[in-house]
Amino acid sequence: MALTVEQLGRTNVTGNRLTVALKITPDSSWPTAGEDLDLTAYVSNIETVLVESDIGGYVYAYDRSAKKLLAYEAGADGAALDAVDGANLSAQAVYLTVTGGRA
């Protein structure tokens, strides 16, 4: 499906580095392979991506090479984390802080 991406405030500029804060809202059906999210639309030459999420039992991570936001939950099968598949995460909010250089 798709993510709703909202930029929070302005892009911060410090020297040759840019920092952008984003609020991500998932839709009602999360795919196992994660949702497409190309952060180079906000910051070129990504250096760091910090991920914070609402309390709700899910852990999120950003895969730079695949340009995807991934979601995990506690594994019922004894695994530490299992990939989320088909869950309705629309009530969740994920906050990203992206820092990188200019193009």
N, C-alpha and C. Protein backbone atom coordinates (compact mmCIF):
# COMPACT_ATOMS: atom_id res chain seq x y z
N MET A 1 0.84 -1.16 0.00
CA MET A 1 0.00 0.00 0.00
C MET A 1 0.90 1.23 0.00
N ALA A 2 0.73 2.13 0.99
CA ALA A 2 1.52 3.35 0.96
C ALA A 2 1.66 3.94 2.35
N LEU A 3 2.65 4.79 2.48
CA LEU A 3 2.88 5.52 3.71
C LEU A 3 2.47 6.97 3.51
N THR A 4 2.03 7.61 4.57
CA THR A 4 1.81 9.05 4.53
C THR A 4 3.01 9.67 5.21
N VAL A 5 3.70 10.56 4.50
CA VAL A 5 4.91 11.19 5.02
C VAL A 5 4.65 12.68 5.20
N GLU A 6 4.91 13.17 6.42
CA GLU A 6 4.73 14.58 6.73
C GLU A 6 6.05 15.13 7.26
N GLN A 7 6.57 16.18 6.62
CA GLN A 7 7.78 16.81 7.13
C GLN A 7 7.39 17.71 8.29
N LEU A 8 8.09 17.56 9.40
CA LEU A 8 7.82 18.35 10.60
C LEU A 8 8.78 19.53 10.64
N GLY A 9 8.28 20.69 10.41
CA GLY A 9 9.13 21.87 10.42
C GLY A 9 9.96 21.99 9.16
N ARG A 10 10.96 22.85 9.24
CA ARG A 10 11.82 23.13 8.10
C ARG A 10 13.03 22.22 8.11
N THR A 11 13.70 22.17 6.99
CA THR A 11 14.96 21.45 6.90
C THR A 11 16.01 22.28 7.64
N ASN A 12 16.70 21.67 8.59
CA ASN A 12 17.75 22.37 9.33
C ASN A 12 19.07 22.25 8.57
N VAL A 13 19.77 23.36 8.45
CA VAL A 13 21.05 23.40 7.75
C VAL A 13 22.14 23.77 8.74
N THR A 14 23.16 22.91 8.83
CA THR A 14 24.33 23.17 9.67
C THR A 14 25.55 22.90 8.83
N GLY A 15 26.22 23.96 8.41
CA GLY A 15 27.36 23.79 7.51
C GLY A 15 26.89 23.16 6.21
N ASN A 16 27.45 22.01 5.87
CA ASN A 16 27.03 21.32 4.64
C ASN A 16 26.11 20.14 4.94
N ARG A 17 25.56 20.10 6.16
CA ARG A 17 24.66 19.00 6.54
C ARG A 17 23.22 19.48 6.64
N LEU A 18 22.32 18.60 6.23
CA LEU A 18 20.89 18.86 6.32
C LEU A 18 20.27 17.85 7.28
N THR A 19 19.30 18.30 8.07
CA THR A 19 18.56 17.41 8.96
C THR A 19 17.07 17.66 8.76
N VAL A 20 16.33 16.57 8.59
CA VAL A 20 14.90 16.66 8.36
C VAL A 20 14.19 15.72 9.34
N ALA A 21 13.12 16.22 9.95
CA ALA A 21 12.29 15.40 10.84
C ALA A 21 11.00 15.05 10.08
N LEU A 22 10.65 13.77 10.10
CA LEU A 22 9.49 13.28 9.37
C LEU A 22 8.56 12.49 10.29
N LYS A 23 7.26 12.61 10.05
CA LYS A 23 6.27 11.77 10.72
C LYS A 23 5.70 10.85 9.65
N ILE A 24 5.78 9.56 9.89
CA ILE A 24 5.31 8.54 8.95
C ILE A 24 4.09 7.86 9.55
N THR A 25 3.02 7.78 8.76
CA THR A 25 1.83 7.06 9.18
C THR A 25 1.57 5.93 8.19
N PRO A 26 1.64 4.68 8.68
CA PRO A 26 1.36 3.54 7.80
C PRO A 26 -0.13 3.46 7.45
N ASP A 27 -0.43 2.62 6.46
CA ASP A 27 -1.84 2.42 6.12
C ASP A 27 -2.36 1.15 6.79
N SER A 28 -3.43 0.60 6.28
CA SER A 28 -4.13 -0.49 6.97
C SER A 28 -3.64 -1.90 6.64
N SER A 29 -2.64 -2.04 5.78
CA SER A 29 -2.14 -3.38 5.47
C SER A 29 -0.64 -3.34 5.20
N TRP A 30 0.14 -3.73 6.21
CA TRP A 30 1.59 -3.66 6.12
C TRP A 30 2.14 -4.88 5.38
N PRO A 31 2.95 -4.70 4.31
CA PRO A 31 3.52 -5.84 3.60
C PRO A 31 4.75 -6.40 4.33
N THR A 32 4.96 -7.69 4.25
CA THR A 32 6.09 -8.35 4.91
C THR A 32 7.42 -7.73 4.53
N ALA A 33 7.59 -7.37 3.27
CA ALA A 33 8.86 -6.84 2.78
C ALA A 33 9.07 -5.37 3.13
N GLY A 34 8.11 -4.75 3.83
CA GLY A 34 8.24 -3.35 4.20
C GLY A 34 7.64 -2.42 3.16
N GLU A 35 7.56 -1.15 3.53
CA GLU A 35 6.99 -0.12 2.65
C GLU A 35 8.11 0.69 2.00
N ASP A 36 7.94 1.06 0.74
CA ASP A 36 8.91 1.89 0.04
C ASP A 36 8.98 3.26 0.69
N LEU A 37 10.21 3.73 0.93
CA LEU A 37 10.44 5.05 1.50
C LEU A 37 11.81 5.54 1.05
N ASP A 38 11.82 6.43 0.07
CA ASP A 38 13.08 6.96 -0.46
C ASP A 38 13.41 8.26 0.25
N LEU A 39 14.29 8.20 1.22
CA LEU A 39 14.64 9.37 2.01
C LEU A 39 15.56 10.32 1.27
N THR A 40 16.12 9.90 0.13
CA THR A 40 16.96 10.82 -0.64
C THR A 40 16.12 11.93 -1.27
N ALA A 41 14.81 11.83 -1.20
CA ALA A 41 13.95 12.93 -1.64
C ALA A 41 14.04 14.10 -0.65
N TYR A 42 14.52 13.83 0.56
CA TYR A 42 14.62 14.85 1.60
C TYR A 42 16.07 15.28 1.87
N VAL A 43 17.00 14.31 1.85
CA VAL A 43 18.40 14.56 2.15
C VAL A 43 19.26 13.70 1.24
N SER A 44 20.19 14.32 0.53
CA SER A 44 21.12 13.54 -0.30
C SER A 44 22.23 12.98 0.59
N ASN A 45 22.87 11.95 0.14
CA ASN A 45 24.02 11.38 0.86
C ASN A 45 23.70 11.12 2.33
N ILE A 46 22.75 10.25 2.57
CA ILE A 46 22.27 9.96 3.93
C ILE A 46 23.42 9.47 4.81
N GLU A 47 23.53 10.09 5.99
CA GLU A 47 24.53 9.68 6.97
C GLU A 47 23.88 8.88 8.11
N THR A 48 22.78 9.41 8.66
CA THR A 48 22.10 8.71 9.75
C THR A 48 20.59 8.80 9.59
N VAL A 49 19.92 7.75 10.05
CA VAL A 49 18.46 7.73 10.12
C VAL A 49 18.12 7.23 11.52
N LEU A 50 17.51 8.10 12.32
CA LEU A 50 17.09 7.72 13.65
C LEU A 50 15.59 7.44 13.61
N VAL A 51 15.18 6.29 14.15
CA VAL A 51 13.79 5.87 14.09
C VAL A 51 13.22 5.81 15.49
N GLU A 52 12.05 6.42 15.67
CA GLU A 52 11.33 6.40 16.95
C GLU A 52 9.87 6.11 16.62
N SER A 53 9.23 5.28 17.43
CA SER A 53 7.83 4.96 17.14
C SER A 53 6.99 5.07 18.41
N ASP A 54 5.67 5.22 18.19
CA ASP A 54 4.74 5.22 19.31
C ASP A 54 4.80 3.88 20.03
N ILE A 55 4.43 3.89 21.27
CA ILE A 55 4.33 2.63 22.01
C ILE A 55 3.18 1.84 21.38
N GLY A 56 3.41 0.60 21.06
CA GLY A 56 2.38 -0.19 20.43
C GLY A 56 2.86 -1.60 20.13
N GLY A 57 4.07 -1.91 20.56
CA GLY A 57 4.58 -3.26 20.39
C GLY A 57 5.32 -3.51 19.08
N TYR A 58 5.53 -2.48 18.28
CA TYR A 58 6.22 -2.64 17.01
C TYR A 58 7.55 -1.91 17.03
N VAL A 59 8.52 -2.49 16.34
CA VAL A 59 9.84 -1.90 16.19
C VAL A 59 10.05 -1.65 14.71
N TYR A 60 10.55 -0.46 14.36
CA TYR A 60 10.75 -0.10 12.96
C TYR A 60 12.23 0.09 12.68
N ALA A 61 12.60 -0.17 11.43
CA ALA A 61 13.98 0.02 10.99
C ALA A 61 13.95 0.51 9.55
N TYR A 62 14.99 1.24 9.16
CA TYR A 62 15.09 1.72 7.78
C TYR A 62 16.19 0.95 7.07
N ASP A 63 15.86 0.33 5.94
CA ASP A 63 16.82 -0.39 5.11
C ASP A 63 17.28 0.56 4.00
N ARG A 64 18.50 1.10 4.14
CA ARG A 64 19.01 2.08 3.18
C ARG A 64 19.16 1.53 1.77
N SER A 65 19.69 0.33 1.67
CA SER A 65 19.95 -0.22 0.33
C SER A 65 18.66 -0.51 -0.43
N ALA A 66 17.63 -0.97 0.25
CA ALA A 66 16.35 -1.27 -0.41
C ALA A 66 15.40 -0.08 -0.40
N LYS A 67 15.74 0.97 0.38
CA LYS A 67 14.90 2.16 0.53
C LYS A 67 13.50 1.77 1.01
N LYS A 68 13.49 1.03 2.14
CA LYS A 68 12.23 0.55 2.70
C LYS A 68 12.19 0.78 4.21
N LEU A 69 10.98 1.03 4.70
CA LEU A 69 10.74 1.07 6.14
C LEU A 69 10.22 -0.31 6.52
N LEU A 70 10.87 -0.95 7.48
CA LEU A 70 10.52 -2.30 7.91
C LEU A 70 9.86 -2.24 9.28
N ALA A 71 8.95 -3.19 9.54
CA ALA A 71 8.27 -3.27 10.84
C ALA A 71 8.42 -4.68 11.39
N TYR A 72 8.64 -4.74 12.71
CA TYR A 72 8.80 -6.02 13.40
C TYR A 72 7.95 -6.01 14.66
N GLU A 73 7.59 -7.22 15.11
CA GLU A 73 6.89 -7.37 16.38
C GLU A 73 7.48 -8.56 17.13
N ALA A 74 7.22 -8.64 18.43
CA ALA A 74 7.73 -9.73 19.23
C ALA A 74 7.28 -11.06 18.63
N GLY A 75 8.20 -11.98 18.50
CA GLY A 75 7.91 -13.24 17.83
C GLY A 75 7.16 -14.22 18.71
N ALA A 76 6.02 -14.68 18.24
CA ALA A 76 5.24 -15.67 18.98
C ALA A 76 5.93 -17.03 18.93
N ASP A 77 6.80 -17.23 17.93
CA ASP A 77 7.46 -18.51 17.77
C ASP A 77 8.77 -18.60 18.58
N GLY A 78 8.98 -17.64 19.47
CA GLY A 78 10.19 -17.64 20.28
C GLY A 78 11.31 -16.80 19.70
N ALA A 79 11.16 -16.34 18.47
CA ALA A 79 12.17 -15.47 17.86
C ALA A 79 12.09 -14.11 18.53
N ALA A 80 13.19 -13.39 18.52
CA ALA A 80 13.21 -12.06 19.13
C ALA A 80 12.24 -11.13 18.41
N LEU A 81 12.29 -11.12 17.08
CA LEU A 81 11.41 -10.27 16.28
C LEU A 81 10.98 -11.00 15.02
N ASP A 82 9.74 -10.80 14.64
CA ASP A 82 9.21 -11.34 13.38
C ASP A 82 8.78 -10.18 12.51
N ALA A 83 8.95 -10.31 11.20
CA ALA A 83 8.48 -9.28 10.28
C ALA A 83 6.96 -9.22 10.34
N VAL A 84 6.43 -8.03 10.29
CA VAL A 84 4.98 -7.82 10.32
C VAL A 84 4.43 -8.12 8.93
N ASP A 85 3.30 -8.83 8.86
CA ASP A 85 2.68 -9.15 7.58
C ASP A 85 1.18 -8.90 7.64
N GLY A 86 0.71 -7.91 6.88
CA GLY A 86 -0.71 -7.66 6.75
C GLY A 86 -1.37 -6.93 7.90
N ALA A 87 -0.61 -6.53 8.90
CA ALA A 87 -1.20 -5.88 10.07
C ALA A 87 -1.68 -4.46 9.73
N ASN A 88 -2.71 -4.03 10.43
CA ASN A 88 -3.21 -2.68 10.30
C ASN A 88 -2.42 -1.80 11.26
N LEU A 89 -1.48 -1.03 10.74
CA LEU A 89 -0.63 -0.17 11.57
C LEU A 89 -1.02 1.29 11.43
N SER A 90 -2.21 1.56 10.90
CA SER A 90 -2.62 2.93 10.62
C SER A 90 -2.76 3.79 11.87
N ALA A 91 -2.86 3.17 13.05
CA ALA A 91 -2.95 3.95 14.29
C ALA A 91 -1.56 4.27 14.85
N GLN A 92 -0.53 3.74 14.22
CA GLN A 92 0.85 3.97 14.66
C GLN A 92 1.41 5.24 14.02
N ALA A 93 2.37 5.85 14.67
CA ALA A 93 3.13 6.96 14.09
C ALA A 93 4.60 6.62 14.26
N VAL A 94 5.36 6.81 13.20
CA VAL A 94 6.79 6.55 13.22
C VAL A 94 7.47 7.88 12.93
N TYR A 95 8.44 8.24 13.75
CA TYR A 95 9.16 9.50 13.57
C TYR A 95 10.58 9.20 13.14
N LEU A 96 11.02 9.84 12.07
CA LEU A 96 12.38 9.66 11.57
C LEU A 96 13.10 11.00 11.59
N THR A 97 14.35 10.97 11.97
CA THR A 97 15.23 12.13 11.83
C THR A 97 16.33 11.69 10.87
N VAL A 98 16.42 12.37 9.75
CA VAL A 98 17.36 12.01 8.70
C VAL A 98 18.41 13.11 8.59
N THR A 99 19.69 12.71 8.62
CA THR A 99 20.77 13.67 8.48
C THR A 99 21.66 13.23 7.32
N GLY A 100 22.08 14.19 6.52
CA GLY A 100 22.96 13.88 5.41
C GLY A 100 23.53 15.14 4.79
N GLY A 101 24.31 14.93 3.76
CA GLY A 101 24.91 16.06 3.07
C GLY A 101 24.08 16.51 1.89
N ARG A 102 24.50 17.60 1.32
CA ARG A 102 23.84 18.09 0.11
C ARG A 102 24.27 17.26 -1.07
N ALA A 103 23.52 17.36 -2.13
CA ALA A 103 23.82 16.57 -3.35
C ALA A 103 25.18 16.92 -3.90
